[in-house]
Amino acid sequence: MVFDHPGDIPSGEIILFWDEASYHRAGAVRELAQALSITLQPLPGYSPDFMPVEALWRWVREELTYPHCHATAEERVQRVNHFVNTINADPCAIADRLWTKTTLNPEEEKLRIPA
């Protein structure tokens, strides 16, 4: 990220939410976060609702793999490129589709986890 003006630099506490992948647990990463005063907040073990990339993968599958059988890898790459160009043309649609949850609805969660 590049900041052109001092006023562009965020102020206040920085909290980084992550999924604790193996490379996130590296001592160097944790040490640098501490040196930069970044609070590291791990996500629960299975938390796709809090991870926009999971919603993006679901969207890609819905648009590209569920309705189509690609004859070649090249065809699949072309469809992915078209998908990327299409969604990038409407940033608001991306934000609406990939907006992450900040809280969970307990009633909705009851439906996900069998009693």
PDB file of N, CA and C in Angstrom:
ATOM      1  N   MET A   1       0.850  -1.166   0.000  1.00  0.00           N
ATOM      2  CA  MET A   1       0.000   0.000   0.000  1.00  0.00           C
ATOM      3  C   MET A   1       0.897   1.231   0.000  1.00  0.00           C
ATOM      4  N   VAL A   2       0.567   2.201  -0.829  1.00  0.00           N
ATOM      5  CA  VAL A   2       1.354   3.419  -0.924  1.00  0.00           C
ATOM      6  C   VAL A   2       0.494   4.588  -0.467  1.00  0.00           C
ATOM      7  N   PHE A   3       1.082   5.415   0.393  1.00  0.00           N
ATOM      8  CA  PHE A   3       0.393   6.608   0.873  1.00  0.00           C
ATOM      9  C   PHE A   3       1.127   7.822   0.326  1.00  0.00           C
ATOM     10  N   ASP A   4       0.415   8.659  -0.428  1.00  0.00           N
ATOM     11  CA  ASP A   4       1.035   9.811  -1.068  1.00  0.00           C
ATOM     12  C   ASP A   4       1.140  11.022  -0.144  1.00  0.00           C
ATOM     13  N   HIS A   5       0.269  11.091   0.847  1.00  0.00           N
ATOM     14  CA  HIS A   5       0.235  12.247   1.737  1.00  0.00           C
ATOM     15  C   HIS A   5       0.194  11.761   3.176  1.00  0.00           C
ATOM     16  N   PRO A   6       0.843  12.479   4.090  1.00  0.00           N
ATOM     17  CA  PRO A   6       0.834  12.040   5.488  1.00  0.00           C
ATOM     18  C   PRO A   6      -0.577  11.852   6.049  1.00  0.00           C
ATOM     19  N   GLY A   7      -1.534  12.615   5.584  1.00  0.00           N
ATOM     20  CA  GLY A   7      -2.915  12.481   6.048  1.00  0.00           C
ATOM     21  C   GLY A   7      -3.574  11.187   5.605  1.00  0.00           C
ATOM     22  N   ASP A   8      -2.978  10.514   4.607  1.00  0.00           N
ATOM     23  CA  ASP A   8      -3.529   9.260   4.104  1.00  0.00           C
ATOM     24  C   ASP A   8      -3.228   8.077   5.013  1.00  0.00           C
ATOM     25  N   ILE A   9      -2.221   8.219   5.861  1.00  0.00           N
ATOM     26  CA  ILE A   9      -1.797   7.111   6.709  1.00  0.00           C
ATOM     27  C   ILE A   9      -2.827   6.920   7.819  1.00  0.00           C
ATOM     28  N   PRO A  10      -3.340   5.702   7.960  1.00  0.00           N
ATOM     29  CA  PRO A  10      -4.343   5.454   8.997  1.00  0.00           C
ATOM     30  C   PRO A  10      -3.783   5.740  10.381  1.00  0.00           C
ATOM     31  N   SER A  11      -4.632   6.223  11.234  1.00  0.00           N
ATOM     32  CA  SER A  11      -4.218   6.455  12.622  1.00  0.00           C
ATOM     33  C   SER A  11      -5.094   5.592  13.513  1.00  0.00           C
ATOM     34  N   GLY A  12      -4.656   5.410  14.717  1.00  0.00           N
ATOM     35  CA  GLY A  12      -5.410   4.586  15.651  1.00  0.00           C
ATOM     36  C   GLY A  12      -4.922   3.149  15.628  1.00  0.00           C
ATOM     37  N   GLU A  13      -5.622   2.313  16.340  1.00  0.00           N
ATOM     38  CA  GLU A  13      -5.228   0.917  16.468  1.00  0.00           C
ATOM     39  C   GLU A  13      -5.467   0.156  15.167  1.00  0.00           C
ATOM     40  N   ILE A  14      -4.527  -0.702  14.810  1.00  0.00           N
ATOM     41  CA  ILE A  14      -4.666  -1.568  13.642  1.00  0.00           C
ATOM     42  C   ILE A  14      -4.839  -2.992  14.156  1.00  0.00           C
ATOM     43  N   ILE A  15      -5.918  -3.619  13.735  1.00  0.00           N
ATOM     44  CA  ILE A  15      -6.181  -5.006  14.102  1.00  0.00           C
ATOM     45  C   ILE A  15      -6.196  -5.817  12.818  1.00  0.00           C
ATOM     46  N   LEU A  16      -5.386  -6.854  12.772  1.00  0.00           N
ATOM     47  CA  LEU A  16      -5.317  -7.731  11.609  1.00  0.00           C
ATOM     48  C   LEU A  16      -5.992  -9.050  11.959  1.00  0.00           C
ATOM     49  N   PHE A  17      -7.069  -9.359  11.243  1.00  0.00           N
ATOM     50  CA  PHE A  17      -7.778 -10.620  11.431  1.00  0.00           C
ATOM     51  C   PHE A  17      -7.207 -11.620  10.435  1.00  0.00           C
ATOM     52  N   TRP A  18      -6.918 -12.829  10.901  1.00  0.00           N
ATOM     53  CA  TRP A  18      -6.352 -13.837  10.019  1.00  0.00           C
ATOM     54  C   TRP A  18      -6.787 -15.223  10.420  1.00  0.00           C
ATOM     55  N   ASP A  19      -6.503 -16.162   9.528  1.00  0.00           N
ATOM     56  CA  ASP A  19      -6.973 -17.525   9.745  1.00  0.00           C
ATOM     57  C   ASP A  19      -5.922 -18.439  10.358  1.00  0.00           C
ATOM     58  N   GLU A  20      -4.825 -17.908  10.781  1.00  0.00           N
ATOM     59  CA  GLU A  20      -3.727 -18.653  11.406  1.00  0.00           C
ATOM     60  C   GLU A  20      -3.172 -19.758  10.519  1.00  0.00           C
ATOM     61  N   ALA A  21      -3.041 -19.465   9.226  1.00  0.00           N
ATOM     62  CA  ALA A  21      -2.348 -20.387   8.332  1.00  0.00           C
ATOM     63  C   ALA A  21      -0.914 -20.537   8.832  1.00  0.00           C
ATOM     64  N   SER A  22      -0.235 -21.569   8.402  1.00  0.00           N
ATOM     65  CA  SER A  22       1.104 -21.847   8.933  1.00  0.00           C
ATOM     66  C   SER A  22       2.049 -20.658   8.764  1.00  0.00           C
ATOM     67  N   TYR A  23       1.968 -19.964   7.633  1.00  0.00           N
ATOM     68  CA  TYR A  23       2.862 -18.822   7.430  1.00  0.00           C
ATOM     69  C   TYR A  23       2.482 -17.643   8.321  1.00  0.00           C
ATOM     70  N   HIS A  24       1.270 -17.595   8.828  1.00  0.00           N
ATOM     71  CA  HIS A  24       0.878 -16.542   9.761  1.00  0.00           C
ATOM     72  C   HIS A  24       1.477 -16.783  11.141  1.00  0.00           C
ATOM     73  N   ARG A  25       1.725 -18.031  11.477  1.00  0.00           N
ATOM     74  CA  ARG A  25       2.240 -18.349  12.806  1.00  0.00           C
ATOM     75  C   ARG A  25       3.748 -18.150  12.914  1.00  0.00           C
ATOM     76  N   ALA A  26       4.389 -17.787  11.829  1.00  0.00           N
ATOM     77  CA  ALA A  26       5.839 -17.602  11.835  1.00  0.00           C
ATOM     78  C   ALA A  26       6.238 -16.529  12.840  1.00  0.00           C
ATOM     79  N   GLY A  27       7.298 -16.812  13.567  1.00  0.00           N
ATOM     80  CA  GLY A  27       7.777 -15.863  14.573  1.00  0.00           C
ATOM     81  C   GLY A  27       8.088 -14.505  13.987  1.00  0.00           C
ATOM     82  N   ALA A  28       8.679 -14.480  12.780  1.00  0.00           N
ATOM     83  CA  ALA A  28       9.034 -13.196  12.157  1.00  0.00           C
ATOM     84  C   ALA A  28       7.800 -12.343  11.906  1.00  0.00           C
ATOM     85  N   VAL A  29       6.701 -12.977  11.509  1.00  0.00           N
ATOM     86  CA  VAL A  29       5.459 -12.241  11.254  1.00  0.00           C
ATOM     87  C   VAL A  29       4.934 -11.644  12.558  1.00  0.00           C
ATOM     88  N   ARG A  30       4.889 -12.451  13.591  1.00  0.00           N
ATOM     89  CA  ARG A  30       4.392 -11.981  14.892  1.00  0.00           C
ATOM     90  C   ARG A  30       5.288 -10.880  15.463  1.00  0.00           C
ATOM     91  N   GLU A  31       6.606 -11.048  15.313  1.00  0.00           N
ATOM     92  CA  GLU A  31       7.539 -10.027  15.818  1.00  0.00           C
ATOM     93  C   GLU A  31       7.362  -8.699  15.085  1.00  0.00           C
ATOM     94  N   LEU A  32       7.197  -8.766  13.763  1.00  0.00           N
ATOM     95  CA  LEU A  32       7.011  -7.537  12.995  1.00  0.00           C
ATOM     96  C   LEU A  32       5.690  -6.875  13.358  1.00  0.00           C
ATOM     97  N   ALA A  33       4.641  -7.664  13.516  1.00  0.00           N
ATOM     98  CA  ALA A  33       3.350  -7.097  13.919  1.00  0.00           C
ATOM     99  C   ALA A  33       3.481  -6.391  15.265  1.00  0.00           C
ATOM    100  N   GLN A  34       4.181  -7.010  16.196  1.00  0.00           N
ATOM    101  CA  GLN A  34       4.368  -6.391  17.510  1.00  0.00           C
ATOM    102  C   GLN A  34       5.178  -5.102  17.376  1.00  0.00           C
ATOM    103  N   ALA A  35       6.248  -5.125  16.568  1.00  0.00           N
ATOM    104  CA  ALA A  35       7.075  -3.935  16.380  1.00  0.00           C
ATOM    105  C   ALA A  35       6.275  -2.793  15.757  1.00  0.00           C
ATOM    106  N   LEU A  36       5.295  -3.126  14.916  1.00  0.00           N
ATOM    107  CA  LEU A  36       4.470  -2.110  14.246  1.00  0.00           C
ATOM    108  C   LEU A  36       3.195  -1.788  15.023  1.00  0.00           C
ATOM    109  N   SER A  37       3.069  -2.363  16.218  1.00  0.00           N
ATOM    110  CA  SER A  37       1.883  -2.160  17.068  1.00  0.00           C
ATOM    111  C   SER A  37       0.600  -2.608  16.379  1.00  0.00           C
ATOM    112  N   ILE A  38       0.676  -3.729  15.690  1.00  0.00           N
ATOM    113  CA  ILE A  38      -0.490  -4.308  15.033  1.00  0.00           C
ATOM    114  C   ILE A  38      -0.994  -5.449  15.904  1.00  0.00           C
ATOM    115  N   THR A  39      -2.254  -5.392  16.261  1.00  0.00           N
ATOM    116  CA  THR A  39      -2.866  -6.451  17.047  1.00  0.00           C
ATOM    117  C   THR A  39      -3.270  -7.579  16.109  1.00  0.00           C
ATOM    118  N   LEU A  40      -2.837  -8.786  16.415  1.00  0.00           N
ATOM    119  CA  LEU A  40      -3.188  -9.952  15.609  1.00  0.00           C
ATOM    120  C   LEU A  40      -4.371 -10.648  16.260  1.00  0.00           C
ATOM    121  N   GLN A  41      -5.445 -10.799  15.509  1.00  0.00           N
ATOM    122  CA  GLN A  41      -6.668 -11.421  16.023  1.00  0.00           C
ATOM    123  C   GLN A  41      -6.985 -12.645  15.181  1.00  0.00           C
ATOM    124  N   PRO A  42      -6.795 -13.838  15.733  1.00  0.00           N
ATOM    125  CA  PRO A  42      -7.103 -15.033  14.941  1.00  0.00           C
ATOM    126  C   PRO A  42      -8.602 -15.226  14.786  1.00  0.00           C
ATOM    127  N   LEU A  43      -8.971 -15.762  13.650  1.00  0.00           N
ATOM    128  CA  LEU A  43     -10.360 -16.135  13.402  1.00  0.00           C
ATOM    129  C   LEU A  43     -10.603 -17.520  13.978  1.00  0.00           C
ATOM    130  N   PRO A  44     -11.846 -17.864  14.235  1.00  0.00           N
ATOM    131  CA  PRO A  44     -12.138 -19.239  14.657  1.00  0.00           C
ATOM    132  C   PRO A  44     -11.684 -20.222  13.586  1.00  0.00           C
ATOM    133  N   GLY A  45     -11.484 -21.473  13.967  1.00  0.00           N
ATOM    134  CA  GLY A  45     -10.968 -22.490  13.066  1.00  0.00           C
ATOM    135  C   GLY A  45     -11.717 -22.599  11.757  1.00  0.00           C
ATOM    136  N   TYR A  46     -13.010 -22.533  11.771  1.00  0.00           N
ATOM    137  CA  TYR A  46     -13.807 -22.575  10.545  1.00  0.00           C
ATOM    138  C   TYR A  46     -14.692 -21.350  10.561  1.00  0.00           C
ATOM    139  N   SER A  47     -14.355 -20.362   9.754  1.00  0.00           N
ATOM    140  CA  SER A  47     -15.085 -19.100   9.808  1.00  0.00           C
ATOM    141  C   SER A  47     -15.232 -18.453   8.437  1.00  0.00           C
ATOM    142  N   PRO A  48     -15.832 -19.132   7.471  1.00  0.00           N
ATOM    143  CA  PRO A  48     -15.944 -18.550   6.131  1.00  0.00           C
ATOM    144  C   PRO A  48     -16.762 -17.261   6.108  1.00  0.00           C
ATOM    145  N   ASP A  49     -17.639 -17.068   7.087  1.00  0.00           N
ATOM    146  CA  ASP A  49     -18.448 -15.849   7.118  1.00  0.00           C
ATOM    147  C   ASP A  49     -17.606 -14.600   7.350  1.00  0.00           C
ATOM    148  N   PHE A  50     -16.439 -14.776   7.946  1.00  0.00           N
ATOM    149  CA  PHE A  50     -15.590 -13.632   8.237  1.00  0.00           C
ATOM    150  C   PHE A  50     -14.491 -13.427   7.199  1.00  0.00           C
ATOM    151  N   MET A  51     -14.453 -14.263   6.165  1.00  0.00           N
ATOM    152  CA  MET A  51     -13.360 -14.198   5.202  1.00  0.00           C
ATOM    153  C   MET A  51     -13.892 -13.904   3.800  1.00  0.00           C
ATOM    154  N   PRO A  52     -13.697 -12.681   3.297  1.00  0.00           N
ATOM    155  CA  PRO A  52     -14.234 -12.333   1.983  1.00  0.00           C
ATOM    156  C   PRO A  52     -13.699 -13.205   0.858  1.00  0.00           C
ATOM    157  N   VAL A  53     -12.495 -13.740   0.992  1.00  0.00           N
ATOM    158  CA  VAL A  53     -11.967 -14.577  -0.083  1.00  0.00           C
ATOM    159  C   VAL A  53     -12.808 -15.842  -0.238  1.00  0.00           C
ATOM    160  N   GLU A  54     -13.388 -16.340   0.844  1.00  0.00           N
ATOM    161  CA  GLU A  54     -14.246 -17.520   0.736  1.00  0.00           C
ATOM    162  C   GLU A  54     -15.493 -17.196  -0.090  1.00  0.00           C
ATOM    163  N   ALA A  55     -16.036 -16.000   0.115  1.00  0.00           N
ATOM    164  CA  ALA A  55     -17.201 -15.578  -0.672  1.00  0.00           C
ATOM    165  C   ALA A  55     -16.817 -15.393  -2.141  1.00  0.00           C
ATOM    166  N   LEU A  56     -15.604 -14.916  -2.380  1.00  0.00           N
ATOM    167  CA  LEU A  56     -15.140 -14.757  -3.761  1.00  0.00           C
ATOM    168  C   LEU A  56     -15.001 -16.118  -4.438  1.00  0.00           C
ATOM    169  N   TRP A  57     -14.414 -17.096  -3.750  1.00  0.00           N
ATOM    170  CA  TRP A  57     -14.291 -18.438  -4.330  1.00  0.00           C
ATOM    171  C   TRP A  57     -15.664 -19.029  -4.620  1.00  0.00           C
ATOM    172  N   ARG A  58     -16.611 -18.838  -3.712  1.00  0.00           N
ATOM    173  CA  ARG A  58     -17.976 -19.347  -3.925  1.00  0.00           C
ATOM    174  C   ARG A  58     -18.585 -18.688  -5.165  1.00  0.00           C
ATOM    175  N   TRP A  59     -18.399 -17.379  -5.300  1.00  0.00           N
ATOM    176  CA  TRP A  59     -18.915 -16.629  -6.447  1.00  0.00           C
ATOM    177  C   TRP A  59     -18.290 -17.162  -7.742  1.00  0.00           C
ATOM    178  N   VAL A  60     -16.981 -17.377  -7.748  1.00  0.00           N
ATOM    179  CA  VAL A  60     -16.308 -17.916  -8.932  1.00  0.00           C
ATOM    180  C   VAL A  60     -16.885 -19.278  -9.292  1.00  0.00           C
ATOM    181  N   ARG A  61     -17.059 -20.147  -8.295  1.00  0.00           N
ATOM    182  CA  ARG A  61     -17.616 -21.479  -8.572  1.00  0.00           C
ATOM    183  C   ARG A  61     -19.033 -21.374  -9.135  1.00  0.00           C
ATOM    184  N   GLU A  62     -19.850 -20.489  -8.541  1.00  0.00           N
ATOM    185  CA  GLU A  62     -21.230 -20.325  -9.017  1.00  0.00           C
ATOM    186  C   GLU A  62     -21.275 -19.866 -10.468  1.00  0.00           C
ATOM    187  N   GLU A  63     -20.374 -18.967 -10.826  1.00  0.00           N
ATOM    188  CA  GLU A  63     -20.382 -18.394 -12.169  1.00  0.00           C
ATOM    189  C   GLU A  63     -19.633 -19.238 -13.201  1.00  0.00           C
ATOM    190  N   LEU A  64     -18.591 -19.928 -12.774  1.00  0.00           N
ATOM    191  CA  LEU A  64     -17.703 -20.563 -13.743  1.00  0.00           C
ATOM    192  C   LEU A  64     -17.719 -22.080 -13.757  1.00  0.00           C
ATOM    193  N   THR A  65     -17.833 -22.701 -12.624  1.00  0.00           N
ATOM    194  CA  THR A  65     -17.694 -24.158 -12.644  1.00  0.00           C
ATOM    195  C   THR A  65     -19.023 -24.895 -12.519  1.00  0.00           C
ATOM    196  N   TYR A  66     -19.973 -24.329 -11.801  1.00  0.00           N
ATOM    197  CA  TYR A  66     -21.257 -25.031 -11.679  1.00  0.00           C
ATOM    198  C   TYR A  66     -22.003 -25.101 -13.009  1.00  0.00           C
ATOM    199  N   PRO A  67     -22.130 -23.978 -13.750  1.00  0.00           N
ATOM    200  CA  PRO A  67     -22.941 -24.038 -14.981  1.00  0.00           C
ATOM    201  C   PRO A  67     -22.169 -24.433 -16.242  1.00  0.00           C
ATOM    202  N   HIS A  68     -20.850 -24.614 -16.158  1.00  0.00           N
ATOM    203  CA  HIS A  68     -20.056 -24.858 -17.364  1.00  0.00           C
ATOM    204  C   HIS A  68     -19.130 -26.051 -17.192  1.00  0.00           C
ATOM    205  N   CYS A  69     -18.938 -26.766 -18.260  1.00  0.00           N
ATOM    206  CA  CYS A  69     -17.916 -27.805 -18.334  1.00  0.00           C
ATOM    207  C   CYS A  69     -16.878 -27.293 -19.325  1.00  0.00           C
ATOM    208  N   HIS A  70     -15.718 -26.941 -18.844  1.00  0.00           N
ATOM    209  CA  HIS A  70     -14.688 -26.358 -19.699  1.00  0.00           C
ATOM    210  C   HIS A  70     -13.923 -27.467 -20.421  1.00  0.00           C
ATOM    211  N   ALA A  71     -13.823 -27.337 -21.719  1.00  0.00           N
ATOM    212  CA  ALA A  71     -13.154 -28.351 -22.539  1.00  0.00           C
ATOM    213  C   ALA A  71     -11.643 -28.333 -22.340  1.00  0.00           C
ATOM    214  N   THR A  72     -11.098 -27.150 -22.068  1.00  0.00           N
ATOM    215  CA  THR A  72      -9.644 -27.018 -21.905  1.00  0.00           C
ATOM    216  C   THR A  72      -9.334 -26.065 -20.756  1.00  0.00           C
ATOM    217  N   ALA A  73      -8.110 -26.146 -20.289  1.00  0.00           N
ATOM    218  CA  ALA A  73      -7.664 -25.206 -19.251  1.00  0.00           C
ATOM    219  C   ALA A  73      -7.667 -23.780 -19.803  1.00  0.00           C
ATOM    220  N   GLU A  74      -7.334 -23.642 -21.078  1.00  0.00           N
ATOM    221  CA  GLU A  74      -7.323 -22.309 -21.699  1.00  0.00           C
ATOM    222  C   GLU A  74      -8.722 -21.685 -21.683  1.00  0.00           C
ATOM    223  N   GLU A  75      -9.730 -22.491 -21.975  1.00  0.00           N
ATOM    224  CA  GLU A  75     -11.106 -21.979 -21.933  1.00  0.00           C
ATOM    225  C   GLU A  75     -11.457 -21.512 -20.520  1.00  0.00           C
ATOM    226  N   ARG A  76     -11.058 -22.289 -19.529  1.00  0.00           N
ATOM    227  CA  ARG A  76     -11.332 -21.925 -18.133  1.00  0.00           C
ATOM    228  C   ARG A  76     -10.637 -20.607 -17.785  1.00  0.00           C
ATOM    229  N   VAL A  77      -9.381 -20.455 -18.209  1.00  0.00           N
ATOM    230  CA  VAL A  77      -8.633 -19.223 -17.951  1.00  0.00           C
ATOM    231  C   VAL A  77      -9.327 -18.039 -18.614  1.00  0.00           C
ATOM    232  N   GLN A  78      -9.803 -18.218 -19.850  1.00  0.00           N
ATOM    233  CA  GLN A  78     -10.512 -17.139 -20.542  1.00  0.00           C
ATOM    234  C   GLN A  78     -11.779 -16.752 -19.798  1.00  0.00           C
ATOM    235  N   ARG A  79     -12.515 -17.743 -19.305  1.00  0.00           N
ATOM    236  CA  ARG A  79     -13.747 -17.445 -18.549  1.00  0.00           C
ATOM    237  C   ARG A  79     -13.429 -16.721 -17.243  1.00  0.00           C
ATOM    238  N   VAL A  80     -12.352 -17.139 -16.581  1.00  0.00           N
ATOM    239  CA  VAL A  80     -11.947 -16.453 -15.345  1.00  0.00           C
ATOM    240  C   VAL A  80     -11.578 -15.006 -15.654  1.00  0.00           C
ATOM    241  N   ASN A  81     -10.811 -14.788 -16.705  1.00  0.00           N
ATOM    242  CA  ASN A  81     -10.439 -13.417 -17.079  1.00  0.00           C
ATOM    243  C   ASN A  81     -11.673 -12.575 -17.382  1.00  0.00           C
ATOM    244  N   HIS A  82     -12.626 -13.148 -18.099  1.00  0.00           N
ATOM    245  CA  HIS A  82     -13.860 -12.421 -18.404  1.00  0.00           C
ATOM    246  C   HIS A  82     -14.616 -12.102 -17.105  1.00  0.00           C
ATOM    247  N   PHE A  83     -14.695 -13.070 -16.220  1.00  0.00           N
ATOM    248  CA  PHE A  83     -15.367 -12.864 -14.931  1.00  0.00           C
ATOM    249  C   PHE A  83     -14.700 -11.727 -14.154  1.00  0.00           C
ATOM    250  N   VAL A  84     -13.372 -11.753 -14.067  1.00  0.00           N
ATOM    251  CA  VAL A  84     -12.637 -10.716 -13.342  1.00  0.00           C
ATOM    252  C   VAL A  84     -12.890  -9.351 -13.958  1.00  0.00           C
ATOM    253  N   ASN A  85     -12.816  -9.254 -15.274  1.00  0.00           N
ATOM    254  CA  ASN A  85     -13.048  -7.965 -15.937  1.00  0.00           C
ATOM    255  C   ASN A  85     -14.476  -7.480 -15.710  1.00  0.00           C
ATOM    256  N   THR A  86     -15.425  -8.400 -15.710  1.00  0.00           N
ATOM    257  CA  THR A  86     -16.829  -8.029 -15.509  1.00  0.00           C
ATOM    258  C   THR A  86     -17.067  -7.513 -14.094  1.00  0.00           C
ATOM    259  N   ILE A  87     -16.586  -8.233 -13.091  1.00  0.00           N
ATOM    260  CA  ILE A  87     -16.860  -7.778 -11.718  1.00  0.00           C
ATOM    261  C   ILE A  87     -16.068  -6.525 -11.376  1.00  0.00           C
ATOM    262  N   ASN A  88     -14.860  -6.380 -11.958  1.00  0.00           N
ATOM    263  CA  ASN A  88     -14.071  -5.178 -11.670  1.00  0.00           C
ATOM    264  C   ASN A  88     -14.691  -3.923 -12.274  1.00  0.00           C
ATOM    265  N   ALA A  89     -15.589  -4.081 -13.234  1.00  0.00           N
ATOM    266  CA  ALA A  89     -16.262  -2.936 -13.836  1.00  0.00           C
ATOM    267  C   ALA A  89     -17.310  -2.338 -12.895  1.00  0.00           C
ATOM    268  N   ASP A  90     -17.677  -3.081 -11.852  1.00  0.00           N
ATOM    269  CA  ASP A  90     -18.708  -2.606 -10.914  1.00  0.00           C
ATOM    270  C   ASP A  90     -18.254  -2.835  -9.473  1.00  0.00           C
ATOM    271  N   PRO A  91     -17.375  -1.955  -8.948  1.00  0.00           N
ATOM    272  CA  PRO A  91     -16.843  -2.135  -7.592  1.00  0.00           C
ATOM    273  C   PRO A  91     -17.934  -2.210  -6.515  1.00  0.00           C
ATOM    274  N   CYS A  92     -19.037  -1.520  -6.717  1.00  0.00           N
ATOM    275  CA  CYS A  92     -20.118  -1.568  -5.719  1.00  0.00           C
ATOM    276  C   CYS A  92     -20.728  -2.963  -5.642  1.00  0.00           C
ATOM    277  N   ALA A  93     -20.840  -3.625  -6.781  1.00  0.00           N
ATOM    278  CA  ALA A  93     -21.373  -4.990  -6.787  1.00  0.00           C
ATOM    279  C   ALA A  93     -20.427  -5.927  -6.041  1.00  0.00           C
ATOM    280  N   ILE A  94     -19.134  -5.705  -6.212  1.00  0.00           N
ATOM    281  CA  ILE A  94     -18.152  -6.516  -5.487  1.00  0.00           C
ATOM    282  C   ILE A  94     -18.302  -6.297  -3.995  1.00  0.00           C
ATOM    283  N   ALA A  95     -18.378  -5.034  -3.580  1.00  0.00           N
ATOM    284  CA  ALA A  95     -18.509  -4.730  -2.161  1.00  0.00           C
ATOM    285  C   ALA A  95     -19.791  -5.339  -1.587  1.00  0.00           C
ATOM    286  N   ASP A  96     -20.880  -5.220  -2.325  1.00  0.00           N
ATOM    287  CA  ASP A  96     -22.145  -5.787  -1.846  1.00  0.00           C
ATOM    288  C   ASP A  96     -22.060  -7.303  -1.709  1.00  0.00           C
ATOM    289  N   ARG A  97     -21.427  -7.933  -2.666  1.00  0.00           N
ATOM    290  CA  ARG A  97     -21.362  -9.396  -2.677  1.00  0.00           C
ATOM    291  C   ARG A  97     -20.376  -9.948  -1.636  1.00  0.00           C
ATOM    292  N   LEU A  98     -19.274  -9.224  -1.416  1.00  0.00           N
ATOM    293  CA  LEU A  98     -18.204  -9.749  -0.570  1.00  0.00           C
ATOM    294  C   LEU A  98     -18.120  -9.111   0.809  1.00  0.00           C
ATOM    295  N   TRP A  99     -19.096  -8.287   1.138  1.00  0.00           N
ATOM    296  CA  TRP A  99     -19.071  -7.623   2.445  1.00  0.00           C
ATOM    297  C   TRP A  99     -18.993  -8.671   3.551  1.00  0.00           C
ATOM    298  N   THR A 100     -18.039  -8.504   4.445  1.00  0.00           N
ATOM    299  CA  THR A 100     -17.876  -9.493   5.515  1.00  0.00           C
ATOM    300  C   THR A 100     -18.776  -9.189   6.698  1.00  0.00           C
ATOM    301  N   LYS A 101     -19.122 -10.239   7.388  1.00  0.00           N
ATOM    302  CA  LYS A 101     -19.916 -10.082   8.598  1.00  0.00           C
ATOM    303  C   LYS A 101     -19.010  -9.653   9.737  1.00  0.00           C
ATOM    304  N   THR A 102     -19.549  -8.852  10.627  1.00  0.00           N
ATOM    305  CA  THR A 102     -18.791  -8.471  11.823  1.00  0.00           C
ATOM    306  C   THR A 102     -19.374  -9.139  13.063  1.00  0.00           C
ATOM    307  N   THR A 103     -20.560  -9.679  12.904  1.00  0.00           N
ATOM    308  CA  THR A 103     -21.184 -10.432  13.998  1.00  0.00           C
ATOM    309  C   THR A 103     -21.960 -11.588  13.375  1.00  0.00           C
ATOM    310  N   LEU A 104     -22.259 -12.571  14.180  1.00  0.00           N
ATOM    311  CA  LEU A 104     -23.063 -13.686  13.718  1.00  0.00           C
ATOM    312  C   LEU A 104     -24.426 -13.636  14.378  1.00  0.00           C
ATOM    313  N   ASN A 105     -25.442 -14.026  13.630  1.00  0.00           N
ATOM    314  CA  ASN A 105     -26.796 -14.103  14.149  1.00  0.00           C
ATOM    315  C   ASN A 105     -26.964 -15.487  14.771  1.00  0.00           C
ATOM    316  N   PRO A 106     -27.146 -15.566  16.095  1.00  0.00           N
ATOM    317  CA  PRO A 106     -27.251 -16.869  16.753  1.00  0.00           C
ATOM    318  C   PRO A 106     -28.364 -17.744  16.174  1.00  0.00           C
ATOM    319  N   GLU A 107     -29.476 -17.152  15.759  1.00  0.00           N
ATOM    320  CA  GLU A 107     -30.580 -17.941  15.196  1.00  0.00           C
ATOM    321  C   GLU A 107     -30.168 -18.548  13.851  1.00  0.00           C
ATOM    322  N   GLU A 108     -29.448 -17.779  13.049  1.00  0.00           N
ATOM    323  CA  GLU A 108     -28.959 -18.293  11.766  1.00  0.00           C
ATOM    324  C   GLU A 108     -27.921 -19.381  11.983  1.00  0.00           C
ATOM    325  N   GLU A 109     -27.064 -19.197  12.966  1.00  0.00           N
ATOM    326  CA  GLU A 109     -26.013 -20.189  13.235  1.00  0.00           C
ATOM    327  C   GLU A 109     -26.584 -21.505  13.717  1.00  0.00           C
ATOM    328  N   LYS A 110     -27.718 -21.480  14.403  1.00  0.00           N
ATOM    329  CA  LYS A 110     -28.361 -22.709  14.834  1.00  0.00           C
ATOM    330  C   LYS A 110     -28.730 -23.586  13.639  1.00  0.00           C
ATOM    331  N   LEU A 111     -29.030 -22.936  12.518  1.00  0.00           N
ATOM    332  CA  LEU A 111     -29.401 -23.679  11.313  1.00  0.00           C
ATOM    333  C   LEU A 111     -28.193 -24.355  10.662  1.00  0.00           C
ATOM    334  N   ARG A 112     -26.996 -23.813  10.906  1.00  0.00           N
ATOM    335  CA  ARG A 112     -25.781 -24.361  10.303  1.00  0.00           C
ATOM    336  C   ARG A 112     -25.239 -25.563  11.064  1.00  0.00           C
ATOM    337  N   ILE A 113     -25.423 -25.560  12.363  1.00  0.00           N
ATOM    338  CA  ILE A 113     -24.823 -26.592  13.203  1.00  0.00           C
ATOM    339  C   ILE A 113     -25.927 -27.485  13.730  1.00  0.00           C
ATOM    340  N   PRO A 114     -25.896 -28.765  13.356  1.00  0.00           N
ATOM    341  CA  PRO A 114     -26.953 -29.668  13.832  1.00  0.00           C
ATOM    342  C   PRO A 114     -26.915 -29.803  15.355  1.00  0.00           C
ATOM    343  N   ALA A 115     -28.094 -29.883  15.938  1.00  0.00           N
ATOM    344  CA  ALA A 115     -28.184 -29.992  17.401  1.00  0.00           C
ATOM    345  C   ALA A 115     -27.841 -31.383  17.868  1.00  0.00           C
TER     346      ALA A 115
END
